[in-house]
Protein backbone atom coordinates (compact mmCIF):
# COMPACT_ATOMS: atom_id res chain seq x y z
CA MET A 1 0.00 0.00 0.00
CA PRO A 2 1.45 3.42 -0.91
CA PRO A 3 2.32 5.76 2.00
CA ALA A 4 -0.47 8.14 2.98
CA GLN A 5 1.34 11.22 1.69
CA SER A 6 1.61 9.71 -1.82
CA LEU A 7 -2.09 8.92 -2.16
CA PRO A 8 -4.13 11.09 -4.54
CA SER A 9 -6.71 13.51 -3.17
CA ILE A 10 -10.16 11.99 -3.74
CA ASP A 11 -13.64 13.21 -2.84
CA ALA A 12 -14.80 10.14 -0.89
CA SER A 13 -18.51 10.92 -1.00
CA LYS A 14 -18.46 11.30 -4.79
CA LEU A 15 -16.48 8.09 -5.20
CA TYR A 16 -18.84 6.04 -3.01
CA SER A 17 -21.80 7.59 -4.80
CA LYS A 18 -20.32 6.53 -8.14
CA ILE A 19 -19.72 2.98 -6.88
CA THR A 20 -23.22 2.82 -5.42
CA TRP A 21 -24.89 3.86 -8.67
CA ARG A 22 -22.76 1.46 -10.69
CA LEU A 23 -23.18 -1.60 -8.47
CA ILE A 24 -26.30 -1.43 -6.34
CA PRO A 25 -29.02 -1.12 -9.02
CA TYR A 26 -27.71 -4.16 -10.90
CA ILE A 27 -27.16 -6.48 -7.93
CA PHE A 28 -30.45 -5.14 -6.55
CA ILE A 29 -32.23 -6.59 -9.61
CA LEU A 30 -30.37 -9.87 -9.20
CA TYR A 31 -31.50 -10.13 -5.59
CA ILE A 32 -35.11 -9.31 -6.47
CA LEU A 33 -35.09 -12.31 -8.82
CA ALA A 34 -33.49 -14.48 -6.15
CA TYR A 35 -36.07 -13.47 -3.59
CA LEU A 36 -39.03 -13.83 -5.93
CA ASP A 37 -37.99 -17.37 -6.84
CA ARG A 38 -37.49 -18.18 -3.16
CA VAL A 39 -40.76 -16.82 -1.77
CA ASN A 40 -43.24 -16.82 -4.67
CA VAL A 41 -44.52 -20.11 -3.31
CA GLY A 42 -46.13 -18.00 -0.56
CA PHE A 43 -48.31 -16.24 -3.14
CA ALA A 44 -49.07 -19.53 -4.88
CA ALA A 45 -49.76 -21.38 -1.62
CA ALA A 46 -53.55 -21.12 -1.40
CA ASP A 47 -54.10 -22.35 -4.97
CA MET A 48 -51.39 -25.02 -4.78
CA GLN A 49 -52.87 -26.40 -1.56
CA ARG A 50 -56.27 -26.60 -3.18
CA ASP A 51 -55.12 -28.14 -6.47
CA LEU A 52 -52.54 -30.55 -5.03
CA HIS A 53 -54.32 -31.30 -1.71
CA LEU A 54 -51.38 -30.18 0.45
CA SER A 55 -51.90 -29.81 4.21
CA ASN A 56 -50.52 -26.87 6.18
CA THR A 57 -47.78 -29.11 7.58
CA VAL A 58 -46.79 -30.31 4.10
CA TYR A 59 -46.77 -26.76 2.77
CA GLY A 60 -44.76 -25.43 5.73
CA THR A 61 -42.24 -28.28 5.41
CA GLY A 62 -41.83 -27.83 1.67
CA ALA A 63 -41.59 -24.05 1.95
CA GLY A 64 -38.94 -24.36 4.64
CA ILE A 65 -36.92 -27.29 3.24
CA PHE A 66 -35.41 -24.83 0.76
CA PHE A 67 -33.25 -23.54 3.62
CA LEU A 68 -31.87 -26.96 4.50
CA GLY A 69 -30.63 -27.32 0.93
CA SER A 70 -29.14 -23.84 1.10
CA ALA A 71 -27.52 -24.45 4.49
CA LEU A 72 -25.69 -27.55 3.23
CA PHE A 73 -23.84 -25.64 0.55
CA ASP A 74 -23.58 -22.03 1.78
CA LEU A 75 -20.10 -22.42 3.28
CA PRO A 76 -18.41 -24.31 0.41
CA SER A 77 -20.16 -22.05 -2.09
CA ASN A 78 -18.83 -18.90 -0.42
CA LEU A 79 -15.32 -20.35 -0.34
CA MET A 80 -15.60 -21.20 -4.04
CA LEU A 81 -16.59 -17.60 -4.73
CA THR A 82 -13.28 -16.43 -3.25
CA ARG A 83 -11.48 -18.95 -5.48
CA PHE A 84 -13.27 -18.50 -8.81
CA GLY A 85 -14.32 -14.85 -8.39
CA PRO A 86 -17.78 -13.33 -7.89
CA ARG A 87 -18.56 -12.92 -11.60
CA ARG A 88 -18.28 -16.57 -12.61
CA TRP A 89 -19.62 -18.01 -9.38
CA ILE A 90 -22.68 -15.74 -9.09
CA ALA A 91 -23.52 -16.51 -12.74
CA ARG A 92 -23.34 -20.26 -11.99
CA ILE A 93 -25.61 -19.86 -8.98
CA MET A 94 -28.24 -17.86 -10.84
CA ILE A 95 -28.43 -20.18 -13.84
CA SER A 96 -28.73 -23.22 -11.54
CA TRP A 97 -31.51 -21.83 -9.38
CA GLY A 98 -33.33 -20.36 -12.39
CA ILE A 99 -33.62 -23.82 -13.95
CA VAL A 100 -35.00 -25.34 -10.74
CA ALA A 101 -37.32 -22.37 -10.08
CA THR A 102 -38.86 -22.85 -13.53
CA GLY A 103 -39.24 -26.56 -12.78
CA MET A 104 -41.48 -25.71 -9.80
CA ALA A 105 -44.29 -25.36 -12.36
CA PHE A 106 -44.31 -29.15 -12.69
CA VAL A 107 -44.87 -30.06 -9.02
CA THR A 108 -47.49 -32.80 -8.77
CA GLY A 109 -47.65 -33.55 -5.05
CA ALA A 110 -45.88 -33.48 -1.71
CA HIS A 111 -42.79 -35.46 -2.74
CA SER A 112 -41.99 -33.45 -5.88
CA PHE A 113 -42.72 -30.27 -3.89
CA TYR A 114 -40.17 -31.28 -1.24
CA LEU A 115 -37.58 -32.32 -3.86
CA LEU A 116 -37.71 -29.17 -5.98
CA ARG A 117 -37.72 -26.81 -3.01
CA PHE A 118 -34.68 -28.64 -1.63
CA LEU A 119 -32.90 -28.44 -5.01
CA LEU A 120 -33.79 -24.75 -5.24
CA GLY A 121 -31.97 -24.22 -1.96
CA LEU A 122 -28.93 -26.13 -3.22
CA GLY A 123 -28.88 -24.08 -6.41
CA GLU A 124 -29.17 -20.71 -4.68
CA ALA A 125 -26.73 -21.55 -1.86
CA GLY A 126 -24.04 -18.93 -1.53
CA PHE A 127 -25.82 -16.15 -3.41
CA PHE A 128 -26.72 -13.97 -0.42
CA PRO A 129 -23.52 -14.50 1.63
CA GLY A 130 -21.57 -14.08 -1.60
CA MET A 131 -23.19 -10.71 -2.25
CA ILE A 132 -22.52 -9.55 1.32
CA LEU A 133 -18.88 -10.56 0.88
CA TYR A 134 -18.79 -8.87 -2.54
CA LEU A 135 -19.82 -5.52 -1.06
CA THR A 136 -16.83 -5.65 1.31
CA PHE A 137 -14.59 -5.51 -1.78
CA TRP A 138 -15.98 -2.04 -2.58
CA PHE A 139 -17.16 -0.34 0.64
CA PRO A 140 -15.27 0.14 3.96
CA SER A 141 -17.22 -0.58 7.14
CA ALA A 142 -18.21 3.06 7.75
CA GLU A 143 -20.12 3.04 4.45
CA ARG A 144 -21.27 -0.56 4.57
CA ALA A 145 -24.57 -0.44 6.49
CA ARG A 146 -26.01 1.98 3.94
CA ALA A 147 -24.73 -0.06 1.00
CA ILE A 148 -26.08 -3.31 2.45
CA ALA A 149 -29.37 -1.65 3.37
CA LYS A 150 -29.84 -0.38 -0.19
CA PHE A 151 -29.00 -3.81 -1.56
CA MET A 152 -31.34 -5.54 0.87
CA THR A 153 -34.31 -3.34 0.05
CA ALA A 154 -34.51 -5.74 -2.90
CA THR A 155 -35.94 -8.36 -0.54
CA SER A 156 -38.73 -6.05 0.58
CA LEU A 157 -39.36 -4.55 -2.85
CA ALA A 158 -39.53 -8.09 -4.21
CA GLY A 159 -42.69 -8.30 -2.14
CA VAL A 160 -43.94 -5.02 -3.63
CA VAL A 161 -43.24 -6.24 -7.17
CA GLY A 162 -44.13 -9.84 -6.40
CA GLY A 163 -47.58 -9.06 -5.05
CA PRO A 164 -49.12 -7.42 -8.14
CA LEU A 165 -47.12 -9.64 -10.51
CA SER A 166 -48.22 -12.80 -8.73
CA SER A 167 -51.79 -11.51 -8.63
CA PHE A 168 -51.74 -11.07 -12.41
CA LEU A 169 -50.13 -14.45 -13.09
CA LEU A 170 -52.51 -16.31 -10.81
CA LYS A 171 -55.37 -14.97 -12.91
CA LEU A 172 -54.02 -16.90 -15.92
CA GLU A 173 -55.70 -19.98 -14.42
CA GLY A 174 -56.54 -22.44 -17.21
CA ARG A 175 -54.61 -20.59 -19.94
CA SER A 176 -52.95 -23.17 -22.24
CA GLY A 177 -54.08 -25.88 -19.81
CA LEU A 178 -51.91 -24.57 -16.95
CA HIS A 179 -52.90 -23.48 -13.48
CA GLY A 180 -52.22 -19.87 -12.45
CA TRP A 181 -49.54 -20.98 -10.00
CA GLN A 182 -47.76 -22.84 -12.82
CA TRP A 183 -47.69 -19.65 -14.89
CA LEU A 184 -46.27 -17.87 -11.84
CA PHE A 185 -43.29 -20.23 -11.53
CA LEU A 186 -42.58 -20.27 -15.26
CA SER A 187 -42.77 -16.50 -15.66
CA GLU A 188 -40.56 -15.74 -12.65
CA GLY A 189 -38.01 -18.54 -13.18
CA LEU A 190 -36.98 -18.03 -16.80
CA PRO A 191 -35.75 -14.39 -16.41
CA THR A 192 -33.35 -15.57 -13.70
CA ILE A 193 -31.54 -17.80 -16.20
CA LEU A 194 -31.14 -14.88 -18.62
CA MET A 195 -29.87 -12.54 -15.90
CA GLY A 196 -27.41 -15.23 -14.79
CA VAL A 197 -25.88 -15.16 -18.26
CA SER A 198 -25.69 -11.34 -18.12
CA VAL A 199 -23.59 -11.53 -14.93
CA LEU A 200 -20.72 -13.00 -16.95
CA PHE A 201 -20.55 -9.78 -18.96
CA LEU A 202 -21.61 -7.06 -16.53
CA LEU A 203 -20.34 -7.87 -13.03
CA LYS A 204 -16.82 -6.74 -12.05
CA ASP A 205 -14.94 -8.87 -9.52
CA LYS A 206 -13.15 -6.00 -7.75
CA PRO A 207 -12.33 -2.28 -8.08
CA ASP A 208 -9.15 -2.97 -10.04
CA ASP A 209 -11.29 -4.55 -12.79
CA ALA A 210 -13.65 -1.57 -13.08
CA ASN A 211 -12.93 0.47 -16.22
CA TRP A 212 -15.25 3.18 -14.87
CA LEU A 213 -12.84 3.99 -12.02
CA SER A 214 -9.71 6.05 -12.63
CA HIS A 215 -6.28 4.79 -11.59
CA GLU A 216 -6.22 7.37 -8.78
CA GLU A 217 -9.64 6.27 -7.52
CA LYS A 218 -8.60 2.62 -7.50
CA GLN A 219 -5.39 3.45 -5.65
CA TRP A 220 -7.20 5.53 -3.04
CA LEU A 221 -9.96 2.94 -2.54
CA ASP A 222 -7.48 0.07 -2.15
CA ALA A 223 -5.65 2.03 0.55
CA GLU A 224 -8.91 2.94 2.32
CA LEU A 225 -10.15 -0.66 2.34
CA GLN A 226 -6.80 -1.88 3.66
CA ARG A 227 -6.81 0.76 6.42
CA ASP A 228 -10.32 -0.31 7.39
CA ARG A 229 -9.33 -3.99 7.53
CA ASN A 230 -6.35 -3.12 9.75
CA GLU A 231 -8.44 -1.04 12.16
CA GLY A 232 -11.25 -3.57 12.40
CA GLY A 233 -8.94 -6.53 12.98
CA ALA A 234 -9.80 -8.23 9.68
CA THR A 235 -6.14 -8.35 8.67
CA ALA A 236 -5.30 -10.41 11.76
CA ARG A 237 -8.28 -12.74 11.26
CA HIS A 238 -8.25 -13.98 7.70
CA ASN A 239 -8.02 -17.79 7.97
CA LEU A 240 -11.16 -19.93 7.85
CA LEU A 241 -10.51 -21.30 11.35
CA ASP A 242 -10.57 -17.75 12.75
CA ALA A 243 -14.26 -17.48 11.89
CA PHE A 244 -15.09 -20.63 13.86
CA LYS A 245 -13.08 -19.46 16.91
CA LEU A 246 -14.61 -15.98 17.17
CA PRO A 247 -17.47 -15.81 19.76
CA LEU A 248 -18.91 -12.78 17.96
CA VAL A 249 -19.70 -14.93 14.90
CA TRP A 250 -21.76 -17.40 16.92
CA MET A 251 -23.66 -14.68 18.77
CA LEU A 252 -24.49 -13.02 15.47
CA ALA A 253 -25.47 -16.41 14.05
CA ALA A 254 -27.96 -16.87 16.91
CA VAL A 255 -29.51 -13.47 16.21
CA PHE A 256 -29.66 -14.17 12.48
CA PHE A 257 -31.25 -17.57 13.15
CA ILE A 258 -34.07 -15.80 15.00
CA SER A 259 -34.39 -13.11 12.34
CA GLN A 260 -34.80 -15.64 9.55
CA ILE A 261 -37.50 -17.48 11.48
CA GLY A 262 -39.44 -14.22 11.38
CA VAL A 263 -38.50 -13.13 7.86
CA TYR A 264 -39.66 -16.34 6.23
CA THR A 265 -42.75 -16.63 8.35
CA VAL A 266 -43.67 -13.25 6.86
CA ASN A 267 -42.68 -14.28 3.34
CA LEU A 268 -44.24 -17.72 3.28
CA TRP A 269 -47.20 -17.40 5.65
CA MET A 270 -48.32 -13.76 5.59
CA PRO A 271 -50.54 -14.28 2.50
CA LEU A 272 -52.28 -17.21 4.17
CA VAL A 273 -52.63 -15.43 7.51
CA LEU A 274 -54.18 -12.41 5.80
CA ASN A 275 -56.34 -14.73 3.73
CA SER A 276 -57.84 -16.11 6.95
CA PHE A 277 -59.38 -12.68 7.64
CA VAL A 278 -61.29 -12.58 4.35
CA HIS A 279 -62.88 -16.02 4.66
CA ALA A 280 -60.63 -17.76 2.17
CA GLY A 281 -62.18 -20.26 -0.14
CA THR A 282 -62.94 -18.48 -3.38
CA HIS A 283 -60.51 -18.49 -6.26
CA GLY A 284 -60.11 -14.72 -6.12
CA ASP A 285 -58.69 -14.64 -2.61
CA ALA A 286 -55.08 -15.47 -3.56
CA SER A 287 -54.76 -12.62 -6.05
CA LEU A 288 -56.54 -10.21 -3.66
CA ILE A 289 -54.16 -10.98 -0.80
CA ALA A 290 -51.15 -10.74 -3.13
CA ARG A 291 -52.09 -7.08 -3.63
CA TYR A 292 -52.62 -6.42 0.09
CA ALA A 293 -49.22 -7.96 0.90
CA THR A 294 -47.36 -5.21 -0.98
CA PHE A 295 -47.88 -2.63 1.78
CA PRO A 296 -45.67 -4.21 4.49
CA TYR A 297 -42.86 -4.72 2.00
CA LEU A 298 -43.01 -1.14 0.72
CA ALA A 299 -42.83 0.23 4.28
CA ALA A 300 -39.94 -2.13 5.03
CA ALA A 301 -37.98 -0.91 2.00
CA ILE A 302 -38.16 2.70 3.17
CA PHE A 303 -37.42 1.83 6.80
CA THR A 304 -34.40 -0.32 5.83
CA VAL A 305 -32.71 2.61 4.09
CA ILE A 306 -33.47 4.95 7.02
CA ILE A 307 -32.04 2.53 9.60
CA GLY A 308 -28.92 1.89 7.48
CA TRP A 309 -28.33 5.64 7.13
CA SER A 310 -28.87 6.23 10.85
CA SER A 311 -26.57 3.36 11.82
CA ASP A 312 -23.70 4.63 9.66
CA ARG A 313 -24.25 8.24 10.79
CA THR A 314 -24.10 7.37 14.50
CA GLY A 315 -21.68 4.44 14.24
CA ASP A 316 -24.06 2.37 16.38
CA ARG A 317 -25.05 -1.14 15.34
CA ARG A 318 -26.38 -2.93 18.44
CA TRP A 319 -29.13 -0.53 19.52
CA HIS A 320 -30.41 -0.17 15.98
CA ILE A 321 -30.67 -3.97 15.65
CA ALA A 322 -32.28 -4.37 19.08
CA PHE A 323 -34.86 -1.66 18.34
CA CYS A 324 -35.80 -3.42 15.10
CA LEU A 325 -36.19 -6.76 16.88
CA LEU A 326 -38.47 -5.23 19.51
CA LEU A 327 -40.57 -3.81 16.68
CA CYS A 328 -40.81 -7.36 15.30
CA ALA A 329 -41.99 -8.68 18.67
CA ILE A 330 -44.72 -6.05 18.87
CA GLY A 331 -45.84 -6.72 15.30
CA PHE A 332 -46.07 -10.51 15.59
CA SER A 333 -47.83 -10.35 18.96
CA TRP A 334 -50.36 -7.90 17.51
CA VAL A 335 -51.05 -10.15 14.52
CA ALA A 336 -51.68 -13.02 16.93
CA ILE A 337 -54.53 -11.14 18.63
CA ALA A 338 -55.81 -9.19 15.60
CA HIS A 339 -59.50 -9.55 14.71
CA SER A 340 -59.57 -7.73 11.40
CA LEU A 341 -57.69 -7.67 8.12
CA LEU A 342 -56.67 -4.03 8.63
CA ALA A 343 -55.21 -4.66 12.10
CA ALA A 344 -53.33 -7.73 10.87
CA LEU A 345 -51.96 -5.81 7.89
CA VAL A 346 -50.70 -2.93 10.07
CA ALA A 347 -49.18 -5.40 12.55
CA PHE A 348 -47.42 -7.31 9.77
CA THR A 349 -46.14 -3.98 8.46
CA LEU A 350 -44.46 -3.21 11.81
CA ALA A 351 -42.93 -6.68 11.99
CA THR A 352 -41.71 -6.55 8.39
CA MET A 353 -40.12 -3.15 8.96
CA GLY A 354 -38.26 -4.60 11.94
CA TRP A 355 -37.09 -7.84 10.32
CA TRP A 356 -35.76 -6.05 7.24
CA GLY A 357 -34.57 -2.86 8.94
CA MET A 358 -32.01 -4.68 11.11
CA MET A 359 -30.09 -6.13 8.16
CA GLY A 360 -27.93 -3.11 7.27
CA PRO A 361 -26.39 -2.58 10.72
CA PHE A 362 -26.31 -6.34 11.34
CA TRP A 363 -24.12 -7.23 8.36
CA ALA A 364 -21.79 -4.28 8.97
CA ILE A 365 -20.55 -6.04 12.15
CA PRO A 366 -18.98 -9.34 10.96
CA THR A 367 -17.57 -7.88 7.74
CA ARG A 368 -15.54 -5.35 9.77
CA VAL A 369 -13.73 -7.80 12.04
CA LEU A 370 -13.07 -10.64 9.56
CA GLY A 371 -11.11 -10.71 6.31
CA GLY A 372 -10.25 -13.11 3.49
CA ARG A 373 -11.41 -16.72 3.95
CA ALA A 374 -12.44 -15.87 7.52
CA ALA A 375 -14.92 -13.30 6.18
CA ALA A 376 -16.23 -15.82 3.63
CA GLY A 377 -16.51 -18.47 6.32
CA GLY A 378 -17.99 -16.18 8.98
CA VAL A 379 -20.69 -14.82 6.70
CA ALA A 380 -21.47 -18.37 5.56
CA ILE A 381 -21.69 -19.69 9.15
CA ILE A 382 -24.17 -16.96 10.00
CA THR A 383 -26.27 -17.59 6.90
CA ILE A 384 -26.21 -21.36 7.44
CA LEU A 385 -27.77 -20.97 10.88
CA GLY A 386 -30.08 -18.39 9.36
CA GLY A 387 -31.09 -20.99 6.79
CA ILE A 388 -32.03 -23.39 9.58
CA GLY A 389 -34.14 -20.57 11.00
CA GLY A 390 -35.69 -20.10 7.57
CA PHE A 391 -36.78 -23.74 7.70
CA THR A 392 -37.87 -23.62 11.34
CA GLY A 393 -40.23 -20.64 11.01
CA PRO A 394 -42.43 -21.90 8.15
CA TYR A 395 -42.42 -25.49 9.48
CA LEU A 396 -43.29 -24.45 13.04
CA THR A 397 -46.04 -22.13 11.85
CA GLY A 398 -47.62 -24.85 9.72
CA LEU A 399 -47.33 -27.50 12.42
CA LEU A 400 -48.87 -25.30 15.14
CA ARG A 401 -51.58 -24.19 12.72
CA ASP A 402 -52.61 -27.82 12.14
CA LEU A 403 -52.40 -28.67 15.87
CA THR A 404 -54.24 -25.61 17.22
CA HIS A 405 -56.30 -24.55 14.16
CA SER A 406 -54.96 -21.05 14.74
CA PHE A 407 -51.96 -18.97 13.68
CA SER A 408 -51.72 -17.31 17.10
CA ALA A 409 -49.48 -19.85 18.87
CA GLY A 410 -46.76 -19.72 16.22
CA LEU A 411 -46.87 -15.92 16.01
CA PHE A 412 -46.53 -15.53 19.79
CA VAL A 413 -43.57 -17.94 19.86
CA ILE A 414 -41.74 -16.02 17.13
CA GLY A 415 -42.52 -12.69 18.79
CA GLY A 416 -40.96 -14.02 22.00
CA LEU A 417 -37.86 -15.15 20.11
CA ALA A 418 -37.47 -11.62 18.71
CA ILE A 419 -37.16 -10.33 22.29
CA VAL A 420 -34.49 -12.96 22.98
CA GLY A 421 -32.67 -11.79 19.85
CA ALA A 422 -32.72 -8.19 21.08
CA VAL A 423 -31.19 -9.24 24.41
CA VAL A 424 -28.43 -11.26 22.70
CA THR A 425 -27.70 -8.33 20.38
CA LEU A 426 -27.17 -5.94 23.30
CA ALA A 427 -24.73 -8.43 24.84
CA ILE A 428 -22.52 -8.31 21.73
CA ARG A 429 -19.33 -6.30 21.89
CA THR A 430 -18.34 -4.95 18.48
CA SER A 431 -14.88 -3.47 19.13
CA PRO A 432 -12.07 -5.58 17.57
CA ARG A 433 -10.51 -6.50 20.91
CA SER A 434 -13.70 -7.38 22.82
CA ALA A 435 -15.13 -9.26 19.84
CA ALA A 436 -12.30 -11.73 20.07
CA ASN A 437 -12.91 -12.54 23.74
């Protein structure tokens, strides 16, 4: 790294703005496709259950088994990304999951439902942790919560886009002999394959490969990223084993496990919960609820950016995360006792804002204190446990729904876990020295 006095004078805010506008919109679109293919089964659920005679337990298991497939391959996939480079590996991931997502149109019963959801998880494994790792190649930790927050609004805006789109596709029932839910999977799976091919031509592995950055900008950014790694302790913790030995990683993994229980209960059960307030049973209910479900996601997208901005401005991570988790607890508990569609929708909106809002400050923590293969491994460890949470939430909700004939028990349990997550978050120490103890 060149000495500080030899570095060019660069306007940091303009440089990060340039990087943001070059990177975030494109990977934002990629993540929208990933999220749509992952959660569109929630919009299709009511019609699939009717046409294929799937119980709530079968649906919850199939919806959640995706995360077991993902968890099995997240760690090796993230390590392969560091070996082969983001461009080639992300393209491989997208093409693989796009093929399986399209194949969801040909589900015929419980067993094929389980198999394809599991394969979808295997195909998509490594995409999210790979993207989090990718952003560390371009943004130092002081800028990272905002960058991650902007990227992760894709998951909430996928709900905004997915609601009306799914509503339209479900209305194609009977067209060309296909059910509406089959049209949904076909129409949302095929574009992923095409975008996967585009990654090979459009994604840059690192700043040095970007022809839209000047030599001086690359030199300055390399020095800034290295300085940030040194200050955060990432330079000293760069081997894979370092990620397993760091207590901070496991505490964050526990919090992320809880968060993903809530996130995927929202994604995969919110349409059905809302449907229960409009006396589900007619064919029009699924498309109606798909439109209602856009409101929580739109609010979450706005809130995620605000929380990311606030977290970077203040430098605080823990209290921002804890506040979001308490908001989740309030929202889920309110849904559990709601007696009207409007109340349930407002309550889900609060919970969705909390689950999504925490992600920017959350992911700024591990990517500051880990580097190299340790960063790849640490992010993967956290997402693997999160994947188990992603399975647990939908499965638990479906099981308790069948046992109690109510959604309330599952919602109360998850609301209580959000409070536990807030307590664990406040116990985390984020300074480089205390994080290692």
